[in-house]
Amino acid sequence: MRGAAYKAFGAAIKDDFDFEPFWGNTLFKQGTELVAMQRGNLEMCNLAPADISKQIPAWSLMTSAYLFRDADHVKKTFKSDVGKEFIKLARDQLGIEVLMPVYFGARHVNLKPDKVIKGPSDLSGIKLRMPPGEFWQFLGESIGASPTPVAYAEVYTSLQTGTIDGQDNPLVASKLMKFDEVTSQFVLTGHVMGYDVMCISTKVWDAMPADQQAKFRAAAEKAIDDCTAKTIAQETAAVEAFKAEGKKVYVPDLNAFRAFAQKKYLDKYGNDWPKGALEKINAIA
């Protein structure tokens, strides 16, 4: 879906720019794109916000659980004053212009046990597969589960054999990987709104006249908005498909999860975050 969005974006700017995309990490490996931009070897990329947080600790807020309520909240945050503060941090410290968040789906808990999950305490003792790495393991803890690192390709078998009790992924990915075949329920926790950021080197951006920047940004927003709408439609279709299969699909107490997770993150990372930023993002309607 993101690939289609960038193709649409490229088509929209073709009269003014030469847009040469490289798909599937064929130019640079995932996780190395930011350094490539800083070295002048890459002009534009679809960047994971976690990569920014490795160089700017304040950006860890933008990757934390239950920061965003939905895709619209993500977009509004980046357009807000507090969002612009984070964009300025990236510009000033990294030499990149963050143009747009690129939503690709909310992460939800998917379990094999038939246990009703109302709040984080109900996930206590649940072996929840999370990707390897400190960031992901802490994310699992922040929603009350016992995180277990398992490679993505091994999740289906691990669920089947009971090595893990559940996994978390965007619904469309869970459907694609057929995790519904070996689980009983989807708990719509929405603990992370998955997004990347479309960004461009400030050297390239600043060389554009204002009218070109405006056209560039407008084309980006149109392509990403269309992508977001299609992604949300796919998420809705996945929910209906799971229900049709007889799976339990329900929304837990999101306020309880949000309060639990935000306290966990504040305790661990709060000193790195700009004062009041979390509260400002929470208040965006």
C-alpha atoms as a PDB file:
ATOM      1  CA  MET A   1       0.000   0.000   0.000  1.00  0.00           C
ATOM      2  CA  ARG A   2       2.820   2.414   0.856  1.00  0.00           C
ATOM      3  CA  GLY A   3       4.541   1.485  -2.388  1.00  0.00           C
ATOM      4  CA  ALA A   4       1.394   2.381  -4.319  1.00  0.00           C
ATOM      5  CA  ALA A   5       1.228   5.711  -2.473  1.00  0.00           C
ATOM      6  CA  TYR A   6       4.776   6.605  -3.459  1.00  0.00           C
ATOM      7  CA  LYS A   7       4.084   5.605  -7.074  1.00  0.00           C
ATOM      8  CA  ALA A   8       1.064   7.931  -7.086  1.00  0.00           C
ATOM      9  CA  PHE A   9       3.178  10.668  -5.549  1.00  0.00           C
ATOM     10  CA  GLY A  10       5.861  10.174  -8.205  1.00  0.00           C
ATOM     11  CA  ALA A  11       3.277  10.419 -10.976  1.00  0.00           C
ATOM     12  CA  ALA A  12       1.911  13.645  -9.497  1.00  0.00           C
ATOM     13  CA  ILE A  13       5.290  15.412  -9.468  1.00  0.00           C
ATOM     14  CA  LYS A  14       6.736  14.003 -12.718  1.00  0.00           C
ATOM     15  CA  ASP A  15       6.444  17.311 -14.593  1.00  0.00           C
ATOM     16  CA  ASP A  16       8.617  19.106 -12.063  1.00  0.00           C
ATOM     17  CA  PHE A  17      10.905  16.428 -10.624  1.00  0.00           C
ATOM     18  CA  ASP A  18      12.756  13.257 -11.596  1.00  0.00           C
ATOM     19  CA  PHE A  19      11.551  10.736  -9.012  1.00  0.00           C
ATOM     20  CA  GLU A  20      13.607   7.525  -8.947  1.00  0.00           C
ATOM     21  CA  PRO A  21      12.287   5.109  -6.305  1.00  0.00           C
ATOM     22  CA  PHE A  22      14.026   1.946  -5.099  1.00  0.00           C
ATOM     23  CA  TRP A  23      11.700  -0.666  -3.595  1.00  0.00           C
ATOM     24  CA  GLY A  24      12.245  -3.333  -0.955  1.00  0.00           C
ATOM     25  CA  ASN A  25      15.510  -2.031   0.537  1.00  0.00           C
ATOM     26  CA  THR A  26      17.339  -2.551  -2.759  1.00  0.00           C
ATOM     27  CA  LEU A  27      19.333   0.671  -2.400  1.00  0.00           C
ATOM     28  CA  PHE A  28      19.957   0.748   1.359  1.00  0.00           C
ATOM     29  CA  LYS A  29      19.104  -1.770   4.063  1.00  0.00           C
ATOM     30  CA  GLN A  30      16.239  -0.928   6.391  1.00  0.00           C
ATOM     31  CA  GLY A  31      17.571   1.065   9.321  1.00  0.00           C
ATOM     32  CA  THR A  32      20.460   2.605   7.363  1.00  0.00           C
ATOM     33  CA  GLU A  33      18.465   5.143   5.344  1.00  0.00           C
ATOM     34  CA  LEU A  34      18.814   8.044   7.784  1.00  0.00           C
ATOM     35  CA  VAL A  35      22.604   7.828   7.854  1.00  0.00           C
ATOM     36  CA  ALA A  36      22.608   7.593   4.050  1.00  0.00           C
ATOM     37  CA  MET A  37      20.602  10.828   3.905  1.00  0.00           C
ATOM     38  CA  GLN A  38      22.958  12.520   6.340  1.00  0.00           C
ATOM     39  CA  ARG A  39      25.936  11.494   4.209  1.00  0.00           C
ATOM     40  CA  GLY A  40      24.307  12.831   1.063  1.00  0.00           C
ATOM     41  CA  ASN A  41      23.900   9.400  -0.524  1.00  0.00           C
ATOM     42  CA  LEU A  42      20.087   9.486  -0.421  1.00  0.00           C
ATOM     43  CA  GLU A  43      17.775  12.405  -1.047  1.00  0.00           C
ATOM     44  CA  MET A  44      14.419  11.119   0.164  1.00  0.00           C
ATOM     45  CA  CYS A  45      13.028   8.110   2.006  1.00  0.00           C
ATOM     46  CA  ASN A  46      10.161   6.499   3.883  1.00  0.00           C
ATOM     47  CA  LEU A  47      11.687   6.494   7.358  1.00  0.00           C
ATOM     48  CA  ALA A  48      10.737   4.679  10.572  1.00  0.00           C
ATOM     49  CA  PRO A  49      10.323   7.171  13.443  1.00  0.00           C
ATOM     50  CA  ALA A  50      12.261   4.765  15.681  1.00  0.00           C
ATOM     51  CA  ASP A  51      15.326   5.458  13.513  1.00  0.00           C
ATOM     52  CA  ILE A  52      15.004   9.159  14.331  1.00  0.00           C
ATOM     53  CA  SER A  53      14.683   8.407  18.046  1.00  0.00           C
ATOM     54  CA  LYS A  54      18.051   6.593  17.978  1.00  0.00           C
ATOM     55  CA  GLN A  55      19.696   9.957  17.292  1.00  0.00           C
ATOM     56  CA  ILE A  56      17.165  12.242  18.977  1.00  0.00           C
ATOM     57  CA  PRO A  57      15.941  10.671  22.255  1.00  0.00           C
ATOM     58  CA  ALA A  58      13.035  13.161  22.438  1.00  0.00           C
ATOM     59  CA  TRP A  59      11.549  11.400  19.395  1.00  0.00           C
ATOM     60  CA  SER A  60      11.007   8.260  21.494  1.00  0.00           C
ATOM     61  CA  LEU A  61       7.753   9.951  22.519  1.00  0.00           C
ATOM     62  CA  MET A  62       6.576   9.675  18.909  1.00  0.00           C
ATOM     63  CA  THR A  63       7.082   5.898  19.007  1.00  0.00           C
ATOM     64  CA  SER A  64       5.448   5.249  22.396  1.00  0.00           C
ATOM     65  CA  ALA A  65       2.375   3.110  23.042  1.00  0.00           C
ATOM     66  CA  TYR A  66      -1.020   4.800  23.200  1.00  0.00           C
ATOM     67  CA  LEU A  67       0.315   8.158  22.076  1.00  0.00           C
ATOM     68  CA  PHE A  68      -2.049   8.226  19.097  1.00  0.00           C
ATOM     69  CA  ARG A  69      -5.735   7.286  19.088  1.00  0.00           C
ATOM     70  CA  ASP A  70      -6.136   6.736  15.345  1.00  0.00           C
ATOM     71  CA  ALA A  71      -4.694   7.681  11.943  1.00  0.00           C
ATOM     72  CA  ASP A  72      -6.399  11.084  11.999  1.00  0.00           C
ATOM     73  CA  HIS A  73      -4.809  11.861  15.360  1.00  0.00           C
ATOM     74  CA  VAL A  74      -1.384  11.039  13.911  1.00  0.00           C
ATOM     75  CA  LYS A  75      -1.896  13.485  11.035  1.00  0.00           C
ATOM     76  CA  LYS A  76      -3.307  16.226  13.259  1.00  0.00           C
ATOM     77  CA  THR A  77      -0.375  15.870  15.649  1.00  0.00           C
ATOM     78  CA  PHE A  78       2.205  16.426  12.921  1.00  0.00           C
ATOM     79  CA  LYS A  79       0.317  19.521  11.757  1.00  0.00           C
ATOM     80  CA  SER A  80       0.024  20.904  15.300  1.00  0.00           C
ATOM     81  CA  ASP A  81       2.430  23.220  17.110  1.00  0.00           C
ATOM     82  CA  VAL A  82       3.824  20.353  19.187  1.00  0.00           C
ATOM     83  CA  GLY A  83       4.276  18.247  16.063  1.00  0.00           C
ATOM     84  CA  LYS A  84       6.134  21.089  14.379  1.00  0.00           C
ATOM     85  CA  GLU A  85       8.516  21.146  17.355  1.00  0.00           C
ATOM     86  CA  PHE A  86       9.479  17.546  16.619  1.00  0.00           C
ATOM     87  CA  ILE A  87       9.797  18.285  12.908  1.00  0.00           C
ATOM     88  CA  LYS A  88      12.122  21.184  13.768  1.00  0.00           C
ATOM     89  CA  LEU A  89      14.240  18.918  15.987  1.00  0.00           C
ATOM     90  CA  ALA A  90      14.721  16.541  13.050  1.00  0.00           C
ATOM     91  CA  ARG A  91      15.523  19.408  10.708  1.00  0.00           C
ATOM     92  CA  ASP A  92      17.984  21.135  13.022  1.00  0.00           C
ATOM     93  CA  GLN A  93      19.771  18.047  14.334  1.00  0.00           C
ATOM     94  CA  LEU A  94      19.572  15.587  11.435  1.00  0.00           C
ATOM     95  CA  GLY A  95      19.262  17.691   8.300  1.00  0.00           C
ATOM     96  CA  ILE A  96      15.982  16.142   7.180  1.00  0.00           C
ATOM     97  CA  GLU A  97      12.602  17.731   6.453  1.00  0.00           C
ATOM     98  CA  VAL A  98       9.750  15.560   7.719  1.00  0.00           C
ATOM     99  CA  LEU A  99       6.882  16.069   5.278  1.00  0.00           C
ATOM    100  CA  MET A 100       4.130  13.634   6.280  1.00  0.00           C
ATOM    101  CA  PRO A 101       3.356  10.674   8.521  1.00  0.00           C
ATOM    102  CA  VAL A 102       2.576   7.572   6.428  1.00  0.00           C
ATOM    103  CA  TYR A 103       0.019   5.427   8.261  1.00  0.00           C
ATOM    104  CA  PHE A 104       0.123   1.679   7.635  1.00  0.00           C
ATOM    105  CA  GLY A 105      -2.150   0.191  10.301  1.00  0.00           C
ATOM    106  CA  ALA A 106      -2.878  -0.042  14.009  1.00  0.00           C
ATOM    107  CA  ARG A 107      -1.340  -2.892  15.996  1.00  0.00           C
ATOM    108  CA  HIS A 108      -3.808  -5.076  17.885  1.00  0.00           C
ATOM    109  CA  VAL A 109      -3.449  -8.066  20.203  1.00  0.00           C
ATOM    110  CA  ASN A 110      -4.333 -11.449  18.685  1.00  0.00           C
ATOM    111  CA  LEU A 111      -4.600 -14.377  21.112  1.00  0.00           C
ATOM    112  CA  LYS A 112      -4.940 -18.141  21.051  1.00  0.00           C
ATOM    113  CA  PRO A 113      -6.419 -18.519  24.591  1.00  0.00           C
ATOM    114  CA  ASP A 114     -10.137 -17.790  24.883  1.00  0.00           C
ATOM    115  CA  LYS A 115      -9.703 -15.320  27.729  1.00  0.00           C
ATOM    116  CA  VAL A 116     -11.585 -12.027  27.840  1.00  0.00           C
ATOM    117  CA  ILE A 117      -9.150  -9.102  27.913  1.00  0.00           C
ATOM    118  CA  LYS A 118     -10.602  -5.970  29.461  1.00  0.00           C
ATOM    119  CA  GLY A 119      -7.453  -4.221  30.639  1.00  0.00           C
ATOM    120  CA  PRO A 120      -3.678  -4.646  30.973  1.00  0.00           C
ATOM    121  CA  SER A 121      -3.984  -6.820  34.095  1.00  0.00           C
ATOM    122  CA  ASP A 122      -5.760  -9.447  31.992  1.00  0.00           C
ATOM    123  CA  LEU A 123      -2.640  -9.808  29.829  1.00  0.00           C
ATOM    124  CA  SER A 124      -0.504 -10.661  32.853  1.00  0.00           C
ATOM    125  CA  GLY A 125       1.314 -13.917  32.158  1.00  0.00           C
ATOM    126  CA  ILE A 126       0.265 -13.963  28.503  1.00  0.00           C
ATOM    127  CA  LYS A 127       3.264 -14.868  26.333  1.00  0.00           C
ATOM    128  CA  LEU A 128       2.893 -12.285  23.610  1.00  0.00           C
ATOM    129  CA  ARG A 129       5.204 -12.508  20.636  1.00  0.00           C
ATOM    130  CA  MET A 130       6.974  -9.235  20.009  1.00  0.00           C
ATOM    131  CA  PRO A 131       9.736  -8.603  17.490  1.00  0.00           C
ATOM    132  CA  PRO A 132      13.258  -8.969  18.918  1.00  0.00           C
ATOM    133  CA  GLY A 133      14.839  -5.819  20.346  1.00  0.00           C
ATOM    134  CA  GLU A 134      14.590  -3.708  23.495  1.00  0.00           C
ATOM    135  CA  PHE A 135      12.058  -1.272  22.010  1.00  0.00           C
ATOM    136  CA  TRP A 136       9.600  -4.034  21.107  1.00  0.00           C
ATOM    137  CA  GLN A 137      10.041  -5.978  24.330  1.00  0.00           C
ATOM    138  CA  PHE A 138       9.272  -2.858  26.355  1.00  0.00           C
ATOM    139  CA  LEU A 139       6.223  -2.217  24.190  1.00  0.00           C
ATOM    140  CA  GLY A 140       4.910  -5.650  25.178  1.00  0.00           C
ATOM    141  CA  GLU A 141       5.490  -4.876  28.845  1.00  0.00           C
ATOM    142  CA  SER A 142       3.749  -1.528  28.484  1.00  0.00           C
ATOM    143  CA  ILE A 143       0.433  -3.232  27.666  1.00  0.00           C
ATOM    144  CA  GLY A 144       0.739  -5.733  30.528  1.00  0.00           C
ATOM    145  CA  ALA A 145       1.934  -8.825  28.649  1.00  0.00           C
ATOM    146  CA  SER A 146       4.989 -11.057  28.974  1.00  0.00           C
ATOM    147  CA  PRO A 147       6.846 -10.238  25.741  1.00  0.00           C
ATOM    148  CA  THR A 148       8.539 -13.126  23.963  1.00  0.00           C
ATOM    149  CA  PRO A 149      10.912 -12.467  21.037  1.00  0.00           C
ATOM    150  CA  VAL A 150      10.061 -14.582  18.005  1.00  0.00           C
ATOM    151  CA  ALA A 151      11.030 -14.012  14.372  1.00  0.00           C
ATOM    152  CA  TYR A 152       8.096 -13.001  12.157  1.00  0.00           C
ATOM    153  CA  ALA A 153       8.414 -16.081   9.948  1.00  0.00           C
ATOM    154  CA  GLU A 154       8.094 -18.343  13.008  1.00  0.00           C
ATOM    155  CA  VAL A 155       4.973 -16.772  14.530  1.00  0.00           C
ATOM    156  CA  TYR A 156       2.407 -19.079  12.884  1.00  0.00           C
ATOM    157  CA  THR A 157       4.166 -22.262  14.051  1.00  0.00           C
ATOM    158  CA  SER A 158       4.798 -20.790  17.507  1.00  0.00           C
ATOM    159  CA  LEU A 159       1.084 -20.048  17.892  1.00  0.00           C
ATOM    160  CA  GLN A 160       0.180 -23.483  16.584  1.00  0.00           C
ATOM    161  CA  THR A 161       2.444 -25.281  19.055  1.00  0.00           C
ATOM    162  CA  GLY A 162       1.628 -23.054  22.017  1.00  0.00           C
ATOM    163  CA  THR A 163       5.154 -21.670  22.342  1.00  0.00           C
ATOM    164  CA  ILE A 164       3.438 -18.281  22.497  1.00  0.00           C
ATOM    165  CA  ASP A 165      -0.099 -17.306  23.485  1.00  0.00           C
ATOM    166  CA  GLY A 166      -0.496 -14.485  21.006  1.00  0.00           C
ATOM    167  CA  GLN A 167       0.986 -11.871  18.752  1.00  0.00           C
ATOM    168  CA  ASP A 168       0.409  -8.245  17.838  1.00  0.00           C
ATOM    169  CA  ASN A 169       0.341  -6.835  14.318  1.00  0.00           C
ATOM    170  CA  PRO A 170      -1.826  -4.699  12.070  1.00  0.00           C
ATOM    171  CA  LEU A 171      -4.997  -6.618  11.178  1.00  0.00           C
ATOM    172  CA  VAL A 172      -4.206  -6.782   7.475  1.00  0.00           C
ATOM    173  CA  ALA A 173      -0.808  -8.333   8.193  1.00  0.00           C
ATOM    174  CA  SER A 174      -2.398 -10.853  10.557  1.00  0.00           C
ATOM    175  CA  LYS A 175      -4.869 -11.822   7.841  1.00  0.00           C
ATOM    176  CA  LEU A 176      -2.155 -12.076   5.210  1.00  0.00           C
ATOM    177  CA  MET A 177      -0.042 -14.334   7.444  1.00  0.00           C
ATOM    178  CA  LYS A 178      -3.138 -16.425   8.353  1.00  0.00           C
ATOM    179  CA  PHE A 179      -2.612 -15.982  12.093  1.00  0.00           C
ATOM    180  CA  ASP A 180      -6.406 -16.177  12.428  1.00  0.00           C
ATOM    181  CA  GLU A 181      -6.155 -19.893  11.590  1.00  0.00           C
ATOM    182  CA  VAL A 182      -4.333 -20.637  14.867  1.00  0.00           C
ATOM    183  CA  THR A 183      -5.930 -18.088  17.227  1.00  0.00           C
ATOM    184  CA  SER A 184      -9.354 -17.501  18.767  1.00  0.00           C
ATOM    185  CA  GLN A 185      -9.683 -13.744  19.196  1.00  0.00           C
ATOM    186  CA  PHE A 186      -8.591 -10.253  18.206  1.00  0.00           C
ATOM    187  CA  VAL A 187      -8.532  -7.684  20.995  1.00  0.00           C
ATOM    188  CA  LEU A 188      -8.654  -4.258  19.348  1.00  0.00           C
ATOM    189  CA  THR A 189      -6.140  -2.645  21.648  1.00  0.00           C
ATOM    190  CA  GLY A 190      -4.803  -0.224  19.018  1.00  0.00           C
ATOM    191  CA  HIS A 191      -1.741   0.231  21.213  1.00  0.00           C
ATOM    192  CA  VAL A 192       0.406   1.556  18.360  1.00  0.00           C
ATOM    193  CA  MET A 193      -0.639   3.463  15.257  1.00  0.00           C
ATOM    194  CA  GLY A 194       1.922   2.164  12.798  1.00  0.00           C
ATOM    195  CA  TYR A 195       3.405   4.927  10.673  1.00  0.00           C
ATOM    196  CA  ASP A 196       6.568   5.960   8.884  1.00  0.00           C
ATOM    197  CA  VAL A 197       7.509   9.488   7.899  1.00  0.00           C
ATOM    198  CA  MET A 198       8.064  10.741   4.372  1.00  0.00           C
ATOM    199  CA  CYS A 199      11.181  12.851   4.594  1.00  0.00           C
ATOM    200  CA  ILE A 200      13.620  14.625   2.320  1.00  0.00           C
ATOM    201  CA  SER A 201      17.119  16.013   2.743  1.00  0.00           C
ATOM    202  CA  THR A 202      17.064  19.659   3.817  1.00  0.00           C
ATOM    203  CA  LYS A 203      19.742  20.313   1.205  1.00  0.00           C
ATOM    204  CA  VAL A 204      17.325  19.237  -1.533  1.00  0.00           C
ATOM    205  CA  TRP A 205      14.286  20.807   0.132  1.00  0.00           C
ATOM    206  CA  ASP A 206      15.877  24.197   0.721  1.00  0.00           C
ATOM    207  CA  ALA A 207      17.035  24.361  -2.904  1.00  0.00           C
ATOM    208  CA  MET A 208      13.400  24.319  -4.083  1.00  0.00           C
ATOM    209  CA  PRO A 209      11.585  27.620  -4.598  1.00  0.00           C
ATOM    210  CA  ALA A 210       8.522  28.106  -2.405  1.00  0.00           C
ATOM    211  CA  ASP A 211       6.037  27.298  -5.180  1.00  0.00           C
ATOM    212  CA  GLN A 212       7.762  23.989  -5.892  1.00  0.00           C
ATOM    213  CA  GLN A 213       7.795  23.123  -2.202  1.00  0.00           C
ATOM    214  CA  ALA A 214       4.056  23.787  -2.067  1.00  0.00           C
ATOM    215  CA  LYS A 215       3.359  21.531  -5.070  1.00  0.00           C
ATOM    216  CA  PHE A 216       5.641  18.838  -3.665  1.00  0.00           C
ATOM    217  CA  ARG A 217       3.943  18.912  -0.264  1.00  0.00           C
ATOM    218  CA  ALA A 218       0.433  18.952  -1.780  1.00  0.00           C
ATOM    219  CA  ALA A 219       1.222  15.926  -3.947  1.00  0.00           C
ATOM    220  CA  ALA A 220       2.618  14.096  -0.918  1.00  0.00           C
ATOM    221  CA  GLU A 221      -0.441  14.843   1.194  1.00  0.00           C
ATOM    222  CA  LYS A 222      -2.861  13.715  -1.520  1.00  0.00           C
ATOM    223  CA  ALA A 223      -1.016  10.427  -2.110  1.00  0.00           C
ATOM    224  CA  ILE A 224      -0.680   9.633   1.589  1.00  0.00           C
ATOM    225  CA  ASP A 225      -4.289  10.583   2.402  1.00  0.00           C
ATOM    226  CA  ASP A 226      -5.481   8.193  -0.319  1.00  0.00           C
ATOM    227  CA  CYS A 227      -3.200   5.486   1.063  1.00  0.00           C
ATOM    228  CA  THR A 228      -4.529   6.033   4.594  1.00  0.00           C
ATOM    229  CA  ALA A 229      -8.147   5.761   3.451  1.00  0.00           C
ATOM    230  CA  LYS A 230      -7.420   2.494   1.650  1.00  0.00           C
ATOM    231  CA  THR A 231      -5.557   1.109   4.650  1.00  0.00           C
ATOM    232  CA  ILE A 232      -8.453   1.913   6.987  1.00  0.00           C
ATOM    233  CA  ALA A 233     -10.881   0.262   4.547  1.00  0.00           C
ATOM    234  CA  GLN A 234      -8.702  -2.867   4.548  1.00  0.00           C
ATOM    235  CA  GLU A 235      -8.646  -2.878   8.357  1.00  0.00           C
ATOM    236  CA  THR A 236     -12.454  -2.689   8.444  1.00  0.00           C
ATOM    237  CA  ALA A 237     -12.707  -5.532   5.927  1.00  0.00           C
ATOM    238  CA  ALA A 238     -10.314  -7.654   8.004  1.00  0.00           C
ATOM    239  CA  VAL A 239     -12.456  -7.178  11.127  1.00  0.00           C
ATOM    240  CA  GLU A 240     -15.546  -8.302   9.234  1.00  0.00           C
ATOM    241  CA  ALA A 241     -13.693 -11.309   7.821  1.00  0.00           C
ATOM    242  CA  PHE A 242     -12.509 -12.394  11.274  1.00  0.00           C
ATOM    243  CA  LYS A 243     -16.016 -12.053  12.678  1.00  0.00           C
ATOM    244  CA  ALA A 244     -17.404 -14.085   9.777  1.00  0.00           C
ATOM    245  CA  GLU A 245     -14.961 -16.861  10.697  1.00  0.00           C
ATOM    246  CA  GLY A 246     -16.398 -16.904  14.207  1.00  0.00           C
ATOM    247  CA  LYS A 247     -13.458 -15.196  15.876  1.00  0.00           C
ATOM    248  CA  LYS A 248     -14.108 -12.948  18.849  1.00  0.00           C
ATOM    249  CA  VAL A 249     -13.318  -9.354  17.906  1.00  0.00           C
ATOM    250  CA  TYR A 250     -13.893  -6.630  20.498  1.00  0.00           C
ATOM    251  CA  VAL A 251     -12.590  -3.372  21.986  1.00  0.00           C
ATOM    252  CA  PRO A 252     -11.230  -3.555  25.562  1.00  0.00           C
ATOM    253  CA  ASP A 253     -11.022  -0.712  28.086  1.00  0.00           C
ATOM    254  CA  LEU A 254      -8.736   1.564  26.089  1.00  0.00           C
ATOM    255  CA  ASN A 255      -8.573   4.183  28.840  1.00  0.00           C
ATOM    256  CA  ALA A 256      -7.156   1.588  31.240  1.00  0.00           C
ATOM    257  CA  PHE A 257      -4.598   0.458  28.681  1.00  0.00           C
ATOM    258  CA  ARG A 258      -3.640   4.040  27.813  1.00  0.00           C
ATOM    259  CA  ALA A 259      -3.127   5.080  31.447  1.00  0.00           C
ATOM    260  CA  PHE A 260      -1.052   1.947  32.172  1.00  0.00           C
ATOM    261  CA  ALA A 261       1.146   2.310  29.085  1.00  0.00           C
ATOM    262  CA  GLN A 262       1.747   6.038  29.327  1.00  0.00           C
ATOM    263  CA  LYS A 263       2.870   5.697  32.959  1.00  0.00           C
ATOM    264  CA  LYS A 264       5.308   2.947  31.944  1.00  0.00           C
ATOM    265  CA  TYR A 265       6.770   5.104  29.182  1.00  0.00           C
ATOM    266  CA  LEU A 266       6.921   8.225  31.336  1.00  0.00           C
ATOM    267  CA  ASP A 267       8.821   6.339  34.029  1.00  0.00           C
ATOM    268  CA  LYS A 268      11.359   4.998  31.528  1.00  0.00           C
ATOM    269  CA  TYR A 269      11.668   7.740  28.891  1.00  0.00           C
ATOM    270  CA  GLY A 270       9.908  10.807  30.293  1.00  0.00           C
ATOM    271  CA  ASN A 271      13.134  12.672  31.091  1.00  0.00           C
ATOM    272  CA  ASP A 272      13.994  12.618  27.375  1.00  0.00           C
ATOM    273  CA  TRP A 273      10.672  14.081  26.266  1.00  0.00           C
ATOM    274  CA  PRO A 274      10.002  17.822  25.855  1.00  0.00           C
ATOM    275  CA  LYS A 275       8.113  19.059  28.902  1.00  0.00           C
ATOM    276  CA  GLY A 276       4.354  18.993  28.367  1.00  0.00           C
ATOM    277  CA  ALA A 277       4.562  17.383  24.916  1.00  0.00           C
ATOM    278  CA  LEU A 278       2.659  14.234  25.918  1.00  0.00           C
ATOM    279  CA  GLU A 279      -0.143  16.276  27.475  1.00  0.00           C
ATOM    280  CA  LYS A 280      -0.388  18.506  24.395  1.00  0.00           C
ATOM    281  CA  ILE A 281      -0.680  15.492  22.069  1.00  0.00           C
ATOM    282  CA  ASN A 282      -3.258  13.874  24.365  1.00  0.00           C
ATOM    283  CA  ALA A 283      -5.318  17.075  24.173  1.00  0.00           C
ATOM    284  CA  ILE A 284      -5.450  17.226  20.354  1.00  0.00           C
ATOM    285  CA  ALA A 285      -9.071  16.570  19.411  1.00  0.00           C
END
